[in-house]
Amino acid sequence: MFDVGFSELLVIAVVALLVLGPERLPRAARFAGLWVRRARAQWHSVRNELEQELAAEDLRKSLDEANAAIRDADGALRDVASEAKEPPRDERR
């Protein structure tokens, strides 16, 4: 996602230490961690909901396909049953 290496993180930490000072830096780090956790939790929630919707859609599609197959089989079975009920034709003309 973001290509941030160790050297970039070190520069950010040094700048934060210089700007905020040693007294406010731990509080700011906790606050930033809190927002990162909230953002991750929100992202996971959205992702899980999307996965559930996709799974439900796949299930609906497979159910519709199964119903179509059952209707086709039922139609074929009814055709065979109606042919079996007809009297045999005499094809010797």
N, C-alpha and C. Protein backbone atom coordinates (compact mmCIF):
# COMPACT_ATOMS: atom_id res chain seq x y z
N MET A 1 0.84 -1.17 0.00
CA MET A 1 0.00 0.00 0.00
C MET A 1 0.88 1.23 0.00
N PHE A 2 1.41 1.62 1.15
CA PHE A 2 2.36 2.71 1.23
C PHE A 2 3.74 2.10 1.32
N ASP A 3 4.64 2.60 0.54
CA ASP A 3 6.00 2.06 0.56
C ASP A 3 6.85 2.92 1.48
N VAL A 4 6.73 2.64 2.78
CA VAL A 4 7.47 3.40 3.79
C VAL A 4 8.45 2.44 4.43
N GLY A 5 9.72 2.77 4.31
CA GLY A 5 10.76 1.93 4.89
C GLY A 5 11.16 2.39 6.27
N PHE A 6 12.14 1.69 6.82
CA PHE A 6 12.60 2.00 8.17
C PHE A 6 13.23 3.39 8.23
N SER A 7 13.98 3.77 7.21
CA SER A 7 14.63 5.08 7.24
C SER A 7 13.61 6.22 7.24
N GLU A 8 12.51 6.07 6.49
CA GLU A 8 11.47 7.09 6.49
C GLU A 8 10.79 7.18 7.86
N LEU A 9 10.54 6.03 8.48
CA LEU A 9 9.95 6.04 9.81
C LEU A 9 10.87 6.69 10.83
N LEU A 10 12.15 6.45 10.71
CA LEU A 10 13.12 7.06 11.61
C LEU A 10 13.12 8.58 11.46
N VAL A 11 13.07 9.07 10.23
CA VAL A 11 13.03 10.51 9.99
C VAL A 11 11.76 11.11 10.58
N ILE A 12 10.62 10.44 10.39
CA ILE A 12 9.36 10.92 10.95
C ILE A 12 9.43 10.97 12.47
N ALA A 13 10.01 9.95 13.08
CA ALA A 13 10.12 9.91 14.54
C ALA A 13 11.01 11.04 15.06
N VAL A 14 12.11 11.30 14.39
CA VAL A 14 13.02 12.38 14.83
C VAL A 14 12.34 13.73 14.68
N VAL A 15 11.65 13.96 13.58
CA VAL A 15 10.95 15.23 13.37
C VAL A 15 9.84 15.39 14.41
N ALA A 16 9.11 14.32 14.68
CA ALA A 16 8.05 14.39 15.69
C ALA A 16 8.63 14.70 17.06
N LEU A 17 9.77 14.10 17.40
CA LEU A 17 10.42 14.37 18.68
C LEU A 17 10.85 15.82 18.77
N LEU A 18 11.37 16.36 17.69
CA LEU A 18 11.81 17.76 17.69
C LEU A 18 10.62 18.72 17.76
N VAL A 19 9.54 18.41 17.05
CA VAL A 19 8.39 19.32 17.00
C VAL A 19 7.58 19.24 18.29
N LEU A 20 7.28 18.03 18.74
CA LEU A 20 6.40 17.86 19.89
C LEU A 20 7.14 17.91 21.22
N GLY A 21 8.35 17.48 21.22
CA GLY A 21 9.10 17.43 22.48
C GLY A 21 8.86 16.12 23.18
N PRO A 22 9.71 15.80 24.13
CA PRO A 22 9.62 14.51 24.82
C PRO A 22 8.39 14.37 25.73
N GLU A 23 7.79 15.48 26.15
CA GLU A 23 6.64 15.39 27.05
C GLU A 23 5.36 15.03 26.29
N ARG A 24 5.16 15.64 25.11
CA ARG A 24 3.92 15.43 24.37
C ARG A 24 4.00 14.30 23.36
N LEU A 25 5.19 13.80 23.07
CA LEU A 25 5.33 12.75 22.04
C LEU A 25 4.62 11.46 22.41
N PRO A 26 4.73 10.93 23.64
CA PRO A 26 4.01 9.68 23.94
C PRO A 26 2.49 9.81 23.82
N ARG A 27 1.96 10.95 24.24
CA ARG A 27 0.52 11.18 24.14
C ARG A 27 0.11 11.25 22.66
N ALA A 28 0.90 11.92 21.86
CA ALA A 28 0.61 12.02 20.43
C ALA A 28 0.72 10.65 19.76
N ALA A 29 1.68 9.85 20.17
CA ALA A 29 1.83 8.51 19.60
C ALA A 29 0.63 7.63 19.96
N ARG A 30 0.15 7.73 21.21
CA ARG A 30 -1.04 6.96 21.60
C ARG A 30 -2.26 7.41 20.79
N PHE A 31 -2.39 8.73 20.61
CA PHE A 31 -3.51 9.27 19.84
C PHE A 31 -3.45 8.79 18.40
N ALA A 32 -2.27 8.82 17.80
CA ALA A 32 -2.11 8.34 16.42
C ALA A 32 -2.41 6.85 16.34
N GLY A 33 -1.95 6.08 17.32
CA GLY A 33 -2.23 4.65 17.35
C GLY A 33 -3.71 4.35 17.47
N LEU A 34 -4.42 5.18 18.25
CA LEU A 34 -5.86 5.02 18.40
C LEU A 34 -6.56 5.22 17.06
N TRP A 35 -6.18 6.26 16.33
CA TRP A 35 -6.80 6.52 15.04
C TRP A 35 -6.45 5.45 14.02
N VAL A 36 -5.23 4.93 14.08
CA VAL A 36 -4.85 3.85 13.16
C VAL A 36 -5.68 2.60 13.46
N ARG A 37 -5.86 2.28 14.75
CA ARG A 37 -6.67 1.12 15.11
C ARG A 37 -8.12 1.30 14.65
N ARG A 38 -8.66 2.50 14.85
CA ARG A 38 -10.04 2.75 14.40
C ARG A 38 -10.16 2.62 12.88
N ALA A 39 -9.19 3.15 12.16
CA ALA A 39 -9.23 3.07 10.70
C ALA A 39 -9.13 1.61 10.24
N ARG A 40 -8.25 0.85 10.88
CA ARG A 40 -8.13 -0.58 10.52
C ARG A 40 -9.41 -1.33 10.83
N ALA A 41 -10.00 -1.06 11.99
CA ALA A 41 -11.24 -1.74 12.36
C ALA A 41 -12.35 -1.41 11.37
N GLN A 42 -12.43 -0.16 10.97
CA GLN A 42 -13.44 0.24 9.99
C GLN A 42 -13.19 -0.45 8.65
N TRP A 43 -11.94 -0.50 8.24
CA TRP A 43 -11.60 -1.14 6.97
C TRP A 43 -11.96 -2.63 7.02
N HIS A 44 -11.63 -3.29 8.12
CA HIS A 44 -11.96 -4.72 8.24
C HIS A 44 -13.47 -4.94 8.24
N SER A 45 -14.19 -4.03 8.87
CA SER A 45 -15.65 -4.14 8.89
C SER A 45 -16.22 -4.01 7.49
N VAL A 46 -15.75 -3.04 6.74
CA VAL A 46 -16.24 -2.84 5.37
C VAL A 46 -15.86 -4.04 4.51
N ARG A 47 -14.64 -4.53 4.66
CA ARG A 47 -14.20 -5.67 3.86
C ARG A 47 -15.02 -6.92 4.17
N ASN A 48 -15.28 -7.17 5.47
CA ASN A 48 -16.09 -8.34 5.85
C ASN A 48 -17.51 -8.22 5.31
N GLU A 49 -18.08 -7.03 5.37
CA GLU A 49 -19.42 -6.84 4.85
C GLU A 49 -19.46 -7.07 3.34
N LEU A 50 -18.46 -6.58 2.64
CA LEU A 50 -18.39 -6.78 1.19
C LEU A 50 -18.23 -8.27 0.85
N GLU A 51 -17.40 -8.97 1.60
CA GLU A 51 -17.22 -10.40 1.37
C GLU A 51 -18.51 -11.16 1.62
N GLN A 52 -19.26 -10.77 2.66
CA GLN A 52 -20.54 -11.42 2.93
C GLN A 52 -21.54 -11.17 1.81
N GLU A 53 -21.56 -9.95 1.29
CA GLU A 53 -22.46 -9.64 0.19
C GLU A 53 -22.10 -10.46 -1.06
N LEU A 54 -20.80 -10.57 -1.34
CA LEU A 54 -20.37 -11.36 -2.50
C LEU A 54 -20.72 -12.83 -2.32
N ALA A 55 -20.54 -13.34 -1.11
CA ALA A 55 -20.88 -14.74 -0.85
C ALA A 55 -22.39 -14.96 -1.00
N ALA A 56 -23.18 -14.01 -0.52
CA ALA A 56 -24.63 -14.13 -0.64
C ALA A 56 -25.04 -14.09 -2.11
N GLU A 57 -24.40 -13.22 -2.90
CA GLU A 57 -24.71 -13.14 -4.32
C GLU A 57 -24.34 -14.44 -5.04
N ASP A 58 -23.19 -15.02 -4.69
CA ASP A 58 -22.80 -16.30 -5.28
C ASP A 58 -23.80 -17.40 -4.91
N LEU A 59 -24.25 -17.36 -3.68
CA LEU A 59 -25.23 -18.35 -3.23
C LEU A 59 -26.55 -18.19 -3.99
N ARG A 60 -26.98 -16.94 -4.20
CA ARG A 60 -28.20 -16.70 -4.97
C ARG A 60 -28.05 -17.20 -6.40
N LYS A 61 -26.88 -16.96 -7.01
CA LYS A 61 -26.67 -17.41 -8.39
C LYS A 61 -26.72 -18.93 -8.47
N SER A 62 -26.06 -19.61 -7.55
CA SER A 62 -26.06 -21.07 -7.58
C SER A 62 -27.45 -21.62 -7.31
N LEU A 63 -28.21 -20.94 -6.45
CA LEU A 63 -29.58 -21.37 -6.18
C LEU A 63 -30.45 -21.19 -7.42
N ASP A 64 -30.28 -20.07 -8.11
CA ASP A 64 -31.04 -19.85 -9.35
C ASP A 64 -30.67 -20.88 -10.41
N GLU A 65 -29.38 -21.21 -10.52
CA GLU A 65 -28.96 -22.23 -11.49
C GLU A 65 -29.54 -23.59 -11.14
N ALA A 66 -29.56 -23.91 -9.84
CA ALA A 66 -30.12 -25.20 -9.42
C ALA A 66 -31.63 -25.23 -9.71
N ASN A 67 -32.31 -24.12 -9.46
CA ASN A 67 -33.75 -24.07 -9.77
C ASN A 67 -33.99 -24.23 -11.26
N ALA A 68 -33.18 -23.60 -12.08
CA ALA A 68 -33.33 -23.74 -13.54
C ALA A 68 -33.08 -25.18 -13.96
N ALA A 69 -32.09 -25.83 -13.38
CA ALA A 69 -31.82 -27.23 -13.71
C ALA A 69 -32.98 -28.12 -13.29
N ILE A 70 -33.56 -27.83 -12.15
CA ILE A 70 -34.71 -28.62 -11.69
C ILE A 70 -35.91 -28.42 -12.62
N ARG A 71 -36.14 -27.17 -13.05
CA ARG A 71 -37.24 -26.92 -13.98
C ARG A 71 -37.02 -27.64 -15.30
N ASP A 72 -35.77 -27.63 -15.80
CA ASP A 72 -35.47 -28.35 -17.04
C ASP A 72 -35.69 -29.84 -16.89
N ALA A 73 -35.23 -30.39 -15.77
CA ALA A 73 -35.41 -31.83 -15.53
C ALA A 73 -36.88 -32.16 -15.37
N ASP A 74 -37.63 -31.28 -14.71
CA ASP A 74 -39.07 -31.51 -14.53
C ASP A 74 -39.78 -31.50 -15.89
N GLY A 75 -39.41 -30.55 -16.74
CA GLY A 75 -40.02 -30.50 -18.08
C GLY A 75 -39.69 -31.74 -18.89
N ALA A 76 -38.44 -32.17 -18.83
CA ALA A 76 -38.05 -33.37 -19.57
C ALA A 76 -38.78 -34.60 -19.02
N LEU A 77 -38.94 -34.67 -17.72
CA LEU A 77 -39.64 -35.80 -17.10
C LEU A 77 -41.12 -35.79 -17.49
N ARG A 78 -41.72 -34.62 -17.53
CA ARG A 78 -43.13 -34.53 -17.94
C ARG A 78 -43.29 -34.94 -19.41
N ASP A 79 -42.33 -34.56 -20.27
CA ASP A 79 -42.38 -34.97 -21.67
C ASP A 79 -42.31 -36.48 -21.80
N VAL A 80 -41.40 -37.09 -21.06
CA VAL A 80 -41.26 -38.55 -21.10
C VAL A 80 -42.52 -39.21 -20.57
N ALA A 81 -43.09 -38.64 -19.51
CA ALA A 81 -44.31 -39.23 -18.93
C ALA A 81 -45.47 -39.10 -19.89
N SER A 82 -45.59 -37.98 -20.59
CA SER A 82 -46.70 -37.82 -21.54
C SER A 82 -46.52 -38.75 -22.74
N GLU A 83 -45.28 -38.98 -23.17
CA GLU A 83 -45.04 -39.93 -24.26
C GLU A 83 -45.35 -41.36 -23.83
N ALA A 84 -45.10 -41.66 -22.57
CA ALA A 84 -45.37 -43.01 -22.08
C ALA A 84 -46.87 -43.26 -21.97
N LYS A 85 -47.67 -42.21 -21.75
CA LYS A 85 -49.11 -42.37 -21.63
C LYS A 85 -49.79 -42.53 -22.99
N GLU A 86 -49.18 -42.06 -24.07
CA GLU A 86 -49.77 -42.18 -25.40
C GLU A 86 -49.77 -43.64 -25.84
N PRO A 87 -50.81 -44.02 -26.57
CA PRO A 87 -50.80 -45.41 -27.08
C PRO A 87 -49.71 -45.57 -28.13
N PRO A 88 -49.17 -46.76 -28.26
CA PRO A 88 -48.11 -46.95 -29.23
C PRO A 88 -48.62 -46.75 -30.65
N ARG A 89 -47.82 -46.12 -31.47
CA ARG A 89 -48.20 -45.85 -32.87
C ARG A 89 -47.82 -47.05 -33.73
N ASP A 90 -48.65 -47.31 -34.67
CA ASP A 90 -48.33 -48.38 -35.61
C ASP A 90 -47.63 -47.73 -36.80
N GLU A 91 -46.38 -48.00 -36.93
CA GLU A 91 -45.60 -47.36 -37.98
C GLU A 91 -45.46 -48.25 -39.22
N ARG A 92 -46.27 -49.31 -39.37
CA ARG A 92 -46.22 -50.19 -40.54
C ARG A 92 -47.25 -49.79 -41.56
N ARG A 93 -47.19 -48.85 -42.26
CA ARG A 93 -48.20 -48.44 -43.23
C ARG A 93 -48.00 -49.11 -44.53
